[in-house]
């Protein structure tokens, strides 16, 4: 009986930890502002046109960096995802799937 209770407590703690790990307080898109980004038209449009429309999401210029989405829980980096192979729509879907919402209406919906 005690063994079963211990297993339930451990499993509950794991579930709570997994739920907590999926909550992000902010995101940063890191990339160069030209270089390889010029060859990634969709990602470039996402960074310069869509990212400013999201709350708690910012762009950070890093010379020579490939585009990545960095997710944080307060000041702790939780996850880092490459954006290079994604379309503009996929970048937006990824950001929204992580819990971020657009604060402004996208231009094509006006």
PDB file of N, CA and C in Angstrom:
ATOM      1  N   UNK A   1       0.828  -1.193   0.000  1.00  0.00           N
ATOM      2  CA  UNK A   1       0.000   0.000   0.000  1.00  0.00           C
ATOM      3  C   UNK A   1       0.873   1.257   0.000  1.00  0.00           C
ATOM      4  N   UNK A   2       1.885   1.282   0.860  1.00  0.00           N
ATOM      5  CA  UNK A   2       2.771   2.439   0.936  1.00  0.00           C
ATOM      6  C   UNK A   2       3.540   2.588  -0.376  1.00  0.00           C
ATOM      7  N   UNK A   3       3.921   1.456  -0.984  1.00  0.00           N
ATOM      8  CA  UNK A   3       4.627   1.488  -2.252  1.00  0.00           C
ATOM      9  C   UNK A   3       3.755   2.114  -3.343  1.00  0.00           C
ATOM     10  N   UNK A   4       2.464   1.765  -3.351  1.00  0.00           N
ATOM     11  CA  UNK A   4       1.542   2.312  -4.346  1.00  0.00           C
ATOM     12  C   UNK A   4       1.357   3.819  -4.152  1.00  0.00           C
ATOM     13  N   UNK A   5       1.261   4.263  -2.921  1.00  0.00           N
ATOM     14  CA  UNK A   5       1.115   5.689  -2.628  1.00  0.00           C
ATOM     15  C   UNK A   5       2.362   6.444  -3.075  1.00  0.00           C
ATOM     16  N   UNK A   6       3.525   5.863  -2.825  1.00  0.00           N
ATOM     17  CA  UNK A   6       4.778   6.493  -3.252  1.00  0.00           C
ATOM     18  C   UNK A   6       4.838   6.637  -4.769  1.00  0.00           C
ATOM     19  N   UNK A   7       4.409   5.604  -5.476  1.00  0.00           N
ATOM     20  CA  UNK A   7       4.401   5.647  -6.940  1.00  0.00           C
ATOM     21  C   UNK A   7       3.456   6.740  -7.423  1.00  0.00           C
ATOM     22  N   UNK A   8       2.292   6.853  -6.817  1.00  0.00           N
ATOM     23  CA  UNK A   8       1.323   7.876  -7.199  1.00  0.00           C
ATOM     24  C   UNK A   8       1.894   9.268  -6.943  1.00  0.00           C
ATOM     25  N   UNK A   9       2.561   9.460  -5.838  1.00  0.00           N
ATOM     26  CA  UNK A   9       3.159  10.763  -5.517  1.00  0.00           C
ATOM     27  C   UNK A   9       4.245  11.110  -6.522  1.00  0.00           C
ATOM     28  N   UNK A  10       5.100  10.157  -6.857  1.00  0.00           N
ATOM     29  CA  UNK A  10       6.168  10.397  -7.827  1.00  0.00           C
ATOM     30  C   UNK A  10       5.579  10.721  -9.200  1.00  0.00           C
ATOM     31  N   UNK A  11       4.587   9.959  -9.644  1.00  0.00           N
ATOM     32  CA  UNK A  11       3.948  10.218 -10.935  1.00  0.00           C
ATOM     33  C   UNK A  11       3.275  11.582 -10.951  1.00  0.00           C
ATOM     34  N   UNK A  12       2.613  11.949  -9.871  1.00  0.00           N
ATOM     35  CA  UNK A  12       1.969  13.260  -9.783  1.00  0.00           C
ATOM     36  C   UNK A  12       3.003  14.380  -9.877  1.00  0.00           C
ATOM     37  N   UNK A  13       4.117  14.219  -9.211  1.00  0.00           N
ATOM     38  CA  UNK A  13       5.180  15.222  -9.253  1.00  0.00           C
ATOM     39  C   UNK A  13       5.725  15.354 -10.675  1.00  0.00           C
ATOM     40  N   UNK A  14       5.865  14.241 -11.378  1.00  0.00           N
ATOM     41  CA  UNK A  14       6.345  14.280 -12.766  1.00  0.00           C
ATOM     42  C   UNK A  14       5.351  15.003 -13.662  1.00  0.00           C
ATOM     43  N   UNK A  15       4.074  14.734 -13.491  1.00  0.00           N
ATOM     44  CA  UNK A  15       3.050  15.401 -14.294  1.00  0.00           C
ATOM     45  C   UNK A  15       3.033  16.897 -14.027  1.00  0.00           C
ATOM     46  N   UNK A  16       3.116  17.292 -12.775  1.00  0.00           N
ATOM     47  CA  UNK A  16       3.138  18.711 -12.420  1.00  0.00           C
ATOM     48  C   UNK A  16       4.369  19.383 -13.018  1.00  0.00           C
ATOM     49  N   UNK A  17       5.504  18.725 -12.955  1.00  0.00           N
ATOM     50  CA  UNK A  17       6.738  19.265 -13.528  1.00  0.00           C
ATOM     51  C   UNK A  17       6.597  19.443 -15.031  1.00  0.00           C
ATOM     52  N   UNK A  18       6.012  18.461 -15.724  1.00  0.00           N
ATOM     53  CA  UNK A  18       5.827  18.563 -17.169  1.00  0.00           C
ATOM     54  C   UNK A  18       4.867  19.676 -17.542  1.00  0.00           C
ATOM     55  N   UNK A  19       3.809  19.862 -16.787  1.00  0.00           N
ATOM     56  CA  UNK A  19       2.869  20.942 -17.043  1.00  0.00           C
ATOM     57  C   UNK A  19       3.565  22.274 -16.839  1.00  0.00           C
ATOM     58  N   UNK A  20       4.321  22.423 -15.795  1.00  0.00           N
ATOM     59  CA  UNK A  20       5.031  23.662 -15.492  1.00  0.00           C
ATOM     60  C   UNK A  20       6.072  23.972 -16.550  1.00  0.00           C
ATOM     61  N   UNK A  21       6.726  22.959 -17.077  1.00  0.00           N
ATOM     62  CA  UNK A  21       7.777  23.168 -18.063  1.00  0.00           C
ATOM     63  C   UNK A  21       7.230  23.715 -19.374  1.00  0.00           C
ATOM     64  N   UNK A  22       5.938  23.541 -19.631  1.00  0.00           N
ATOM     65  CA  UNK A  22       5.367  24.017 -20.879  1.00  0.00           C
ATOM     66  C   UNK A  22       4.842  25.447 -20.782  1.00  0.00           C
ATOM     67  N   UNK A  23       5.039  26.119 -19.667  1.00  0.00           N
ATOM     68  CA  UNK A  23       4.597  27.498 -19.500  1.00  0.00           C
ATOM     69  C   UNK A  23       5.801  28.417 -19.689  1.00  0.00           C
ATOM     70  N   UNK A  24       5.686  29.317 -20.652  1.00  0.00           N
ATOM     71  CA  UNK A  24       6.785  30.222 -20.957  1.00  0.00           C
ATOM     72  C   UNK A  24       6.358  31.648 -20.645  1.00  0.00           C
ATOM     73  N   UNK A  25       7.235  32.402 -20.004  1.00  0.00           N
ATOM     74  CA  UNK A  25       6.908  33.779 -19.649  1.00  0.00           C
ATOM     75  C   UNK A  25       7.328  34.775 -20.716  1.00  0.00           C
ATOM     76  N   UNK A  26       8.313  34.408 -21.528  1.00  0.00           N
ATOM     77  CA  UNK A  26       8.755  35.296 -22.603  1.00  0.00           C
ATOM     78  C   UNK A  26       9.526  34.492 -23.635  1.00  0.00           C
ATOM     79  N   UNK A  27       9.716  35.112 -24.794  1.00  0.00           N
ATOM     80  CA  UNK A  27      10.470  34.470 -25.871  1.00  0.00           C
ATOM     81  C   UNK A  27      11.345  35.508 -26.553  1.00  0.00           C
ATOM     82  N   UNK A  28      12.459  35.043 -27.071  1.00  0.00           N
ATOM     83  CA  UNK A  28      13.377  35.892 -27.816  1.00  0.00           C
ATOM     84  C   UNK A  28      13.706  35.174 -29.121  1.00  0.00           C
ATOM     85  N   UNK A  29      13.561  35.894 -30.229  1.00  0.00           N
ATOM     86  CA  UNK A  29      14.002  35.366 -31.510  1.00  0.00           C
ATOM     87  C   UNK A  29      15.393  35.938 -31.730  1.00  0.00           C
ATOM     88  N   UNK A  30      16.379  35.058 -31.786  1.00  0.00           N
ATOM     89  CA  UNK A  30      17.767  35.471 -31.992  1.00  0.00           C
ATOM     90  C   UNK A  30      18.159  35.172 -33.437  1.00  0.00           C
ATOM     91  N   UNK A  31      18.809  36.154 -34.080  1.00  0.00           N
ATOM     92  CA  UNK A  31      19.252  35.960 -35.453  1.00  0.00           C
ATOM     93  C   UNK A  31      20.122  37.125 -35.873  1.00  0.00           C
ATOM     94  N   UNK A  32      20.889  36.913 -36.943  1.00  0.00           N
ATOM     95  CA  UNK A  32      21.542  38.047 -37.593  1.00  0.00           C
ATOM     96  C   UNK A  32      20.416  38.819 -38.285  1.00  0.00           C
ATOM     97  N   UNK A  33      20.665  40.046 -38.653  1.00  0.00           N
ATOM     98  CA  UNK A  33      19.603  40.814 -39.316  1.00  0.00           C
ATOM     99  C   UNK A  33      19.743  40.776 -40.838  1.00  0.00           C
ATOM    100  N   UNK A  34      20.780  40.165 -41.339  1.00  0.00           N
ATOM    101  CA  UNK A  34      20.997  40.040 -42.788  1.00  0.00           C
ATOM    102  C   UNK A  34      21.589  38.691 -43.063  1.00  0.00           C
ATOM    103  N   UNK A  35      22.782  38.658 -43.619  1.00  0.00           N
ATOM    104  CA  UNK A  35      23.551  37.429 -43.871  1.00  0.00           C
ATOM    105  C   UNK A  35      22.675  36.274 -44.325  1.00  0.00           C
ATOM    106  N   UNK A  36      22.628  35.227 -43.541  1.00  0.00           N
ATOM    107  CA  UNK A  36      21.852  34.035 -43.911  1.00  0.00           C
ATOM    108  C   UNK A  36      20.354  34.308 -43.873  1.00  0.00           C
ATOM    109  N   UNK A  37      19.939  35.304 -43.126  1.00  0.00           N
ATOM    110  CA  UNK A  37      18.514  35.630 -43.027  1.00  0.00           C
ATOM    111  C   UNK A  37      17.979  36.118 -44.378  1.00  0.00           C
ATOM    112  N   UNK A  38      18.824  36.742 -45.183  1.00  0.00           N
ATOM    113  CA  UNK A  38      18.395  37.204 -46.510  1.00  0.00           C
ATOM    114  C   UNK A  38      17.995  36.047 -47.419  1.00  0.00           C
ATOM    115  N   UNK A  39      18.486  34.856 -47.150  1.00  0.00           N
ATOM    116  CA  UNK A  39      18.127  33.672 -47.940  1.00  0.00           C
ATOM    117  C   UNK A  39      16.883  32.979 -47.395  1.00  0.00           C
ATOM    118  N   UNK A  40      16.363  33.484 -46.285  1.00  0.00           N
ATOM    119  CA  UNK A  40      15.188  32.891 -45.637  1.00  0.00           C
ATOM    120  C   UNK A  40      14.067  33.931 -45.591  1.00  0.00           C
ATOM    121  N   UNK A  41      13.465  34.191 -46.748  1.00  0.00           N
ATOM    122  CA  UNK A  41      12.480  35.266 -46.874  1.00  0.00           C
ATOM    123  C   UNK A  41      11.317  35.138 -45.881  1.00  0.00           C
ATOM    124  N   UNK A  42      10.780  33.927 -45.719  1.00  0.00           N
ATOM    125  CA  UNK A  42       9.651  33.734 -44.798  1.00  0.00           C
ATOM    126  C   UNK A  42      10.048  34.027 -43.357  1.00  0.00           C
ATOM    127  N   UNK A  43      11.200  33.533 -42.956  1.00  0.00           N
ATOM    128  CA  UNK A  43      11.659  33.746 -41.573  1.00  0.00           C
ATOM    129  C   UNK A  43      11.953  35.228 -41.349  1.00  0.00           C
ATOM    130  N   UNK A  44      12.517  35.880 -42.345  1.00  0.00           N
ATOM    131  CA  UNK A  44      12.828  37.312 -42.234  1.00  0.00           C
ATOM    132  C   UNK A  44      11.539  38.121 -42.063  1.00  0.00           C
ATOM    133  N   UNK A  45      10.502  37.808 -42.848  1.00  0.00           N
ATOM    134  CA  UNK A  45       9.206  38.493 -42.704  1.00  0.00           C
ATOM    135  C   UNK A  45       8.606  38.216 -41.333  1.00  0.00           C
ATOM    136  N   UNK A  46       8.713  36.974 -40.870  1.00  0.00           N
ATOM    137  CA  UNK A  46       8.210  36.627 -39.536  1.00  0.00           C
ATOM    138  C   UNK A  46       8.895  37.491 -38.475  1.00  0.00           C
ATOM    139  N   UNK A  47      10.219  37.590 -38.555  1.00  0.00           N
ATOM    140  CA  UNK A  47      10.977  38.325 -37.539  1.00  0.00           C
ATOM    141  C   UNK A  47      10.633  39.811 -37.549  1.00  0.00           C
ATOM    142  N   UNK A  48      10.625  40.423 -38.728  1.00  0.00           N
ATOM    143  CA  UNK A  48      10.491  41.874 -38.790  1.00  0.00           C
ATOM    144  C   UNK A  48       9.048  42.373 -38.886  1.00  0.00           C
ATOM    145  N   UNK A  49       8.118  41.508 -39.307  1.00  0.00           N
ATOM    146  CA  UNK A  49       6.733  41.942 -39.436  1.00  0.00           C
ATOM    147  C   UNK A  49       5.806  41.330 -38.384  1.00  0.00           C
ATOM    148  N   UNK A  50       6.038  40.067 -38.016  1.00  0.00           N
ATOM    149  CA  UNK A  50       5.121  39.379 -37.107  1.00  0.00           C
ATOM    150  C   UNK A  50       5.546  39.448 -35.640  1.00  0.00           C
ATOM    151  N   UNK A  51       6.822  39.248 -35.367  1.00  0.00           N
ATOM    152  CA  UNK A  51       7.300  39.225 -33.978  1.00  0.00           C
ATOM    153  C   UNK A  51       6.879  40.475 -33.193  1.00  0.00           C
ATOM    154  N   UNK A  52       6.948  41.689 -33.783  1.00  0.00           N
ATOM    155  CA  UNK A  52       6.534  42.869 -33.015  1.00  0.00           C
ATOM    156  C   UNK A  52       5.061  42.877 -32.605  1.00  0.00           C
ATOM    157  N   UNK A  53       4.253  42.018 -33.217  1.00  0.00           N
ATOM    158  CA  UNK A  53       2.826  41.951 -32.904  1.00  0.00           C
ATOM    159  C   UNK A  53       2.510  41.060 -31.702  1.00  0.00           C
ATOM    160  N   UNK A  54       3.503  40.357 -31.195  1.00  0.00           N
ATOM    161  CA  UNK A  54       3.305  39.441 -30.068  1.00  0.00           C
ATOM    162  C   UNK A  54       3.723  40.092 -28.758  1.00  0.00           C
ATOM    163  N   UNK A  55       2.965  39.769 -27.711  1.00  0.00           N
ATOM    164  CA  UNK A  55       3.353  40.211 -26.379  1.00  0.00           C
ATOM    165  C   UNK A  55       4.435  39.300 -25.822  1.00  0.00           C
ATOM    166  N   UNK A  56       5.362  39.861 -25.089  1.00  0.00           N
ATOM    167  CA  UNK A  56       6.448  39.111 -24.441  1.00  0.00           C
ATOM    168  C   UNK A  56       7.353  38.357 -25.410  1.00  0.00           C
ATOM    169  N   UNK A  57       7.438  38.856 -26.644  1.00  0.00           N
ATOM    170  CA  UNK A  57       8.345  38.273 -27.631  1.00  0.00           C
ATOM    171  C   UNK A  57       9.160  39.417 -28.217  1.00  0.00           C
ATOM    172  N   UNK A  58      10.467  39.227 -28.269  1.00  0.00           N
ATOM    173  CA  UNK A  58      11.331  40.273 -28.813  1.00  0.00           C
ATOM    174  C   UNK A  58      12.352  39.679 -29.772  1.00  0.00           C
ATOM    175  N   UNK A  59      12.926  40.543 -30.589  1.00  0.00           N
ATOM    176  CA  UNK A  59      13.982  40.151 -31.508  1.00  0.00           C
ATOM    177  C   UNK A  59      15.317  40.625 -30.947  1.00  0.00           C
ATOM    178  N   UNK A  60      16.303  39.748 -30.980  1.00  0.00           N
ATOM    179  CA  UNK A  60      17.647  40.095 -30.527  1.00  0.00           C
ATOM    180  C   UNK A  60      18.621  39.837 -31.668  1.00  0.00           C
ATOM    181  N   UNK A  61      19.270  40.899 -32.120  1.00  0.00           N
ATOM    182  CA  UNK A  61      20.250  40.781 -33.203  1.00  0.00           C
ATOM    183  C   UNK A  61      21.557  40.217 -32.650  1.00  0.00           C
ATOM    184  N   UNK A  62      22.006  39.136 -33.257  1.00  0.00           N
ATOM    185  CA  UNK A  62      23.300  38.539 -32.918  1.00  0.00           C
ATOM    186  C   UNK A  62      24.020  38.294 -34.243  1.00  0.00           C
ATOM    187  N   UNK A  63      25.106  38.999 -34.459  1.00  0.00           N
ATOM    188  CA  UNK A  63      25.845  38.900 -35.705  1.00  0.00           C
ATOM    189  C   UNK A  63      26.213  37.446 -36.017  1.00  0.00           C
ATOM    190  N   UNK A  64      25.835  37.016 -37.219  1.00  0.00           N
ATOM    191  CA  UNK A  64      26.181  35.681 -37.696  1.00  0.00           C
ATOM    192  C   UNK A  64      25.319  34.547 -37.152  1.00  0.00           C
ATOM    193  N   UNK A  65      24.367  34.842 -36.282  1.00  0.00           N
ATOM    194  CA  UNK A  65      23.545  33.782 -35.678  1.00  0.00           C
ATOM    195  C   UNK A  65      22.458  33.301 -36.635  1.00  0.00           C
ATOM    196  N   UNK A  66      22.219  32.000 -36.624  1.00  0.00           N
ATOM    197  CA  UNK A  66      21.095  31.435 -37.366  1.00  0.00           C
ATOM    198  C   UNK A  66      19.833  31.706 -36.562  1.00  0.00           C
ATOM    199  N   UNK A  67      18.677  31.874 -37.223  1.00  0.00           N
ATOM    200  CA  UNK A  67      17.448  32.209 -36.501  1.00  0.00           C
ATOM    201  C   UNK A  67      16.972  31.086 -35.575  1.00  0.00           C
ATOM    202  N   UNK A  68      16.772  31.458 -34.318  1.00  0.00           N
ATOM    203  CA  UNK A  68      16.276  30.518 -33.308  1.00  0.00           C
ATOM    204  C   UNK A  68      15.243  31.207 -32.424  1.00  0.00           C
ATOM    205  N   UNK A  69      14.292  30.415 -31.974  1.00  0.00           N
ATOM    206  CA  UNK A  69      13.325  30.868 -30.989  1.00  0.00           C
ATOM    207  C   UNK A  69      13.797  30.349 -29.641  1.00  0.00           C
ATOM    208  N   UNK A  70      14.034  31.261 -28.706  1.00  0.00           N
ATOM    209  CA  UNK A  70      14.499  30.884 -27.371  1.00  0.00           C
ATOM    210  C   UNK A  70      13.367  31.174 -26.390  1.00  0.00           C
ATOM    211  N   UNK A  71      12.938  30.137 -25.672  1.00  0.00           N
ATOM    212  CA  UNK A  71      11.814  30.246 -24.741  1.00  0.00           C
ATOM    213  C   UNK A  71      12.317  30.262 -23.309  1.00  0.00           C
ATOM    214  N   UNK A  72      11.725  31.160 -22.522  1.00  0.00           N
ATOM    215  CA  UNK A  72      12.167  31.367 -21.142  1.00  0.00           C
ATOM    216  C   UNK A  72      11.018  31.182 -20.162  1.00  0.00           C
ATOM    217  N   UNK A  73      11.371  30.727 -18.977  1.00  0.00           N
ATOM    218  CA  UNK A  73      10.505  30.775 -17.810  1.00  0.00           C
ATOM    219  C   UNK A  73      11.207  31.753 -16.874  1.00  0.00           C
ATOM    220  N   UNK A  74      10.695  32.961 -16.820  1.00  0.00           N
ATOM    221  CA  UNK A  74      11.363  34.086 -16.150  1.00  0.00           C
ATOM    222  C   UNK A  74      12.725  34.283 -16.794  1.00  0.00           C
ATOM    223  N   UNK A  75      13.821  34.130 -16.069  1.00  0.00           N
ATOM    224  CA  UNK A  75      15.148  34.328 -16.660  1.00  0.00           C
ATOM    225  C   UNK A  75      15.837  33.021 -17.039  1.00  0.00           C
ATOM    226  N   UNK A  76      15.148  31.908 -16.865  1.00  0.00           N
ATOM    227  CA  UNK A  76      15.732  30.602 -17.163  1.00  0.00           C
ATOM    228  C   UNK A  76      15.375  30.158 -18.579  1.00  0.00           C
ATOM    229  N   UNK A  77      16.397  29.891 -19.388  1.00  0.00           N
ATOM    230  CA  UNK A  77      16.150  29.357 -20.726  1.00  0.00           C
ATOM    231  C   UNK A  77      15.621  27.938 -20.588  1.00  0.00           C
ATOM    232  N   UNK A  78      14.482  27.692 -21.246  1.00  0.00           N
ATOM    233  CA  UNK A  78      13.831  26.394 -21.146  1.00  0.00           C
ATOM    234  C   UNK A  78      13.969  25.584 -22.436  1.00  0.00           C
ATOM    235  N   UNK A  79      13.891  26.283 -23.563  1.00  0.00           N
ATOM    236  CA  UNK A  79      13.886  25.568 -24.839  1.00  0.00           C
ATOM    237  C   UNK A  79      14.449  26.484 -25.929  1.00  0.00           C
ATOM    238  N   UNK A  80      15.127  25.880 -26.909  1.00  0.00           N
ATOM    239  CA  UNK A  80      15.710  26.629 -28.034  1.00  0.00           C
ATOM    240  C   UNK A  80      15.365  25.857 -29.308  1.00  0.00           C
ATOM    241  N   UNK A  81      14.709  26.543 -30.264  1.00  0.00           N
ATOM    242  CA  UNK A  81      14.227  25.880 -31.472  1.00  0.00           C
ATOM    243  C   UNK A  81      14.702  26.610 -32.721  1.00  0.00           C
ATOM    244  N   UNK A  82      15.219  25.865 -33.689  1.00  0.00           N
ATOM    245  CA  UNK A  82      15.682  26.438 -34.959  1.00  0.00           C
ATOM    246  C   UNK A  82      14.483  26.849 -35.807  1.00  0.00           C
ATOM    247  N   UNK A  83      14.602  27.988 -36.484  1.00  0.00           N
ATOM    248  CA  UNK A  83      13.528  28.486 -37.339  1.00  0.00           C
ATOM    249  C   UNK A  83      13.874  28.399 -38.821  1.00  0.00           C
ATOM    250  N   UNK A  84      15.093  28.082 -39.159  1.00  0.00           N
ATOM    251  CA  UNK A  84      15.596  28.139 -40.533  1.00  0.00           C
ATOM    252  C   UNK A  84      14.774  27.354 -41.548  1.00  0.00           C
ATOM    253  N   UNK A  85      14.221  26.237 -41.166  1.00  0.00           N
ATOM    254  CA  UNK A  85      13.516  25.372 -42.117  1.00  0.00           C
ATOM    255  C   UNK A  85      12.005  25.577 -42.099  1.00  0.00           C
ATOM    256  N   UNK A  86      11.547  26.588 -41.362  1.00  0.00           N
ATOM    257  CA  UNK A  86      10.109  26.820 -41.241  1.00  0.00           C
ATOM    258  C   UNK A  86       9.631  27.920 -42.180  1.00  0.00           C
ATOM    259  N   UNK A  87       8.355  27.831 -42.564  1.00  0.00           N
ATOM    260  CA  UNK A  87       7.730  28.912 -43.318  1.00  0.00           C
ATOM    261  C   UNK A  87       7.269  29.979 -42.331  1.00  0.00           C
ATOM    262  N   UNK A  88       6.843  31.106 -42.861  1.00  0.00           N
ATOM    263  CA  UNK A  88       6.326  32.185 -42.008  1.00  0.00           C
ATOM    264  C   UNK A  88       5.134  31.691 -41.188  1.00  0.00           C
ATOM    265  N   UNK A  89       4.211  30.992 -41.839  1.00  0.00           N
ATOM    266  CA  UNK A  89       3.041  30.464 -41.137  1.00  0.00           C
ATOM    267  C   UNK A  89       3.451  29.472 -40.044  1.00  0.00           C
ATOM    268  N   UNK A  90       4.414  28.614 -40.343  1.00  0.00           N
ATOM    269  CA  UNK A  90       4.880  27.638 -39.355  1.00  0.00           C
ATOM    270  C   UNK A  90       5.546  28.329 -38.170  1.00  0.00           C
ATOM    271  N   UNK A  91       6.282  29.410 -38.421  1.00  0.00           N
ATOM    272  CA  UNK A  91       6.893  30.169 -37.318  1.00  0.00           C
ATOM    273  C   UNK A  91       5.807  30.745 -36.407  1.00  0.00           C
ATOM    274  N   UNK A  92       4.765  31.310 -37.012  1.00  0.00           N
ATOM    275  CA  UNK A  92       3.656  31.860 -36.230  1.00  0.00           C
ATOM    276  C   UNK A  92       2.922  30.772 -35.463  1.00  0.00           C
ATOM    277  N   UNK A  93       2.684  29.644 -36.111  1.00  0.00           N
ATOM    278  CA  UNK A  93       2.012  28.523 -35.449  1.00  0.00           C
ATOM    279  C   UNK A  93       2.838  28.009 -34.280  1.00  0.00           C
ATOM    280  N   UNK A  94       4.154  27.941 -34.455  1.00  0.00           N
ATOM    281  CA  UNK A  94       5.041  27.490 -33.390  1.00  0.00           C
ATOM    282  C   UNK A  94       4.939  28.424 -32.185  1.00  0.00           C
ATOM    283  N   UNK A  95       5.037  29.709 -32.440  1.00  0.00           N
ATOM    284  CA  UNK A  95       4.968  30.693 -31.356  1.00  0.00           C
ATOM    285  C   UNK A  95       3.621  30.620 -30.639  1.00  0.00           C
ATOM    286  N   UNK A  96       2.553  30.474 -31.393  1.00  0.00           N
ATOM    287  CA  UNK A  96       1.223  30.379 -30.794  1.00  0.00           C
ATOM    288  C   UNK A  96       1.035  29.066 -30.040  1.00  0.00           C
ATOM    289  N   UNK A  97       1.640  27.986 -30.538  1.00  0.00           N
ATOM    290  CA  UNK A  97       1.532  26.699 -29.843  1.00  0.00           C
ATOM    291  C   UNK A  97       2.253  26.725 -28.490  1.00  0.00           C
ATOM    292  N   UNK A  98       3.185  27.655 -28.340  1.00  0.00           N
ATOM    293  CA  UNK A  98       3.917  27.810 -27.078  1.00  0.00           C
ATOM    294  C   UNK A  98       3.213  28.778 -26.139  1.00  0.00           C
ATOM    295  N   UNK A  99       2.027  29.262 -26.533  1.00  0.00           N
ATOM    296  CA  UNK A  99       1.201  30.074 -25.644  1.00  0.00           C
ATOM    297  C   UNK A  99       1.272  31.575 -25.874  1.00  0.00           C
ATOM    298  N   UNK A 100       1.943  32.019 -26.918  1.00  0.00           N
ATOM    299  CA  UNK A 100       2.051  33.453 -27.184  1.00  0.00           C
ATOM    300  C   UNK A 100       0.943  33.881 -28.131  1.00  0.00           C
ATOM    301  N   UNK A 101       0.399  35.073 -27.876  1.00  0.00           N
ATOM    302  CA  UNK A 101      -0.713  35.578 -28.672  1.00  0.00           C
ATOM    303  C   UNK A 101      -0.348  36.910 -29.296  1.00  0.00           C
ATOM    304  N   UNK A 102      -0.891  37.118 -30.476  1.00  0.00           N
ATOM    305  CA  UNK A 102      -0.701  38.406 -31.139  1.00  0.00           C
ATOM    306  C   UNK A 102      -1.527  39.462 -30.424  1.00  0.00           C
ATOM    307  N   UNK A 103      -0.912  40.606 -30.179  1.00  0.00           N
ATOM    308  CA  UNK A 103      -1.626  41.721 -29.554  1.00  0.00           C
ATOM    309  C   UNK A 103      -2.265  42.608 -30.604  1.00  0.00           C
ATOM    310  N   UNK A 104      -1.700  42.606 -31.806  1.00  0.00           N
ATOM    311  CA  UNK A 104      -2.228  43.384 -32.914  1.00  0.00           C
ATOM    312  C   UNK A 104      -2.822  42.431 -33.923  1.00  0.00           C
ATOM    313  N   UNK A 105      -3.773  42.936 -34.728  1.00  0.00           N
ATOM    314  CA  UNK A 105      -4.368  42.130 -35.777  1.00  0.00           C
ATOM    315  C   UNK A 105      -3.392  42.061 -36.950  1.00  0.00           C
ATOM    316  N   UNK A 106      -3.106  40.863 -37.441  1.00  0.00           N
ATOM    317  CA  UNK A 106      -2.228  40.751 -38.613  1.00  0.00           C
ATOM    318  C   UNK A 106      -2.770  41.572 -39.779  1.00  0.00           C
ATOM    319  N   UNK A 107      -1.899  42.166 -40.567  1.00  0.00           N
ATOM    320  CA  UNK A 107      -2.302  43.050 -41.659  1.00  0.00           C
ATOM    321  C   UNK A 107      -3.244  42.374 -42.653  1.00  0.00           C
ATOM    322  N   UNK A 108      -3.031  41.101 -42.954  1.00  0.00           N
ATOM    323  CA  UNK A 108      -3.861  40.434 -43.960  1.00  0.00           C
ATOM    324  C   UNK A 108      -5.268  40.118 -43.458  1.00  0.00           C
ATOM    325  N   UNK A 109      -5.563  40.349 -42.189  1.00  0.00           N
ATOM    326  CA  UNK A 109      -6.896  40.109 -41.653  1.00  0.00           C
ATOM    327  C   UNK A 109      -7.703  41.399 -41.528  1.00  0.00           C
ATOM    328  N   UNK A 110      -7.103  42.549 -41.817  1.00  0.00           N
ATOM    329  CA  UNK A 110      -7.792  43.832 -41.685  1.00  0.00           C
ATOM    330  C   UNK A 110      -8.693  44.054 -42.865  1.00  0.00           C
TER     331      UNK A 110
END
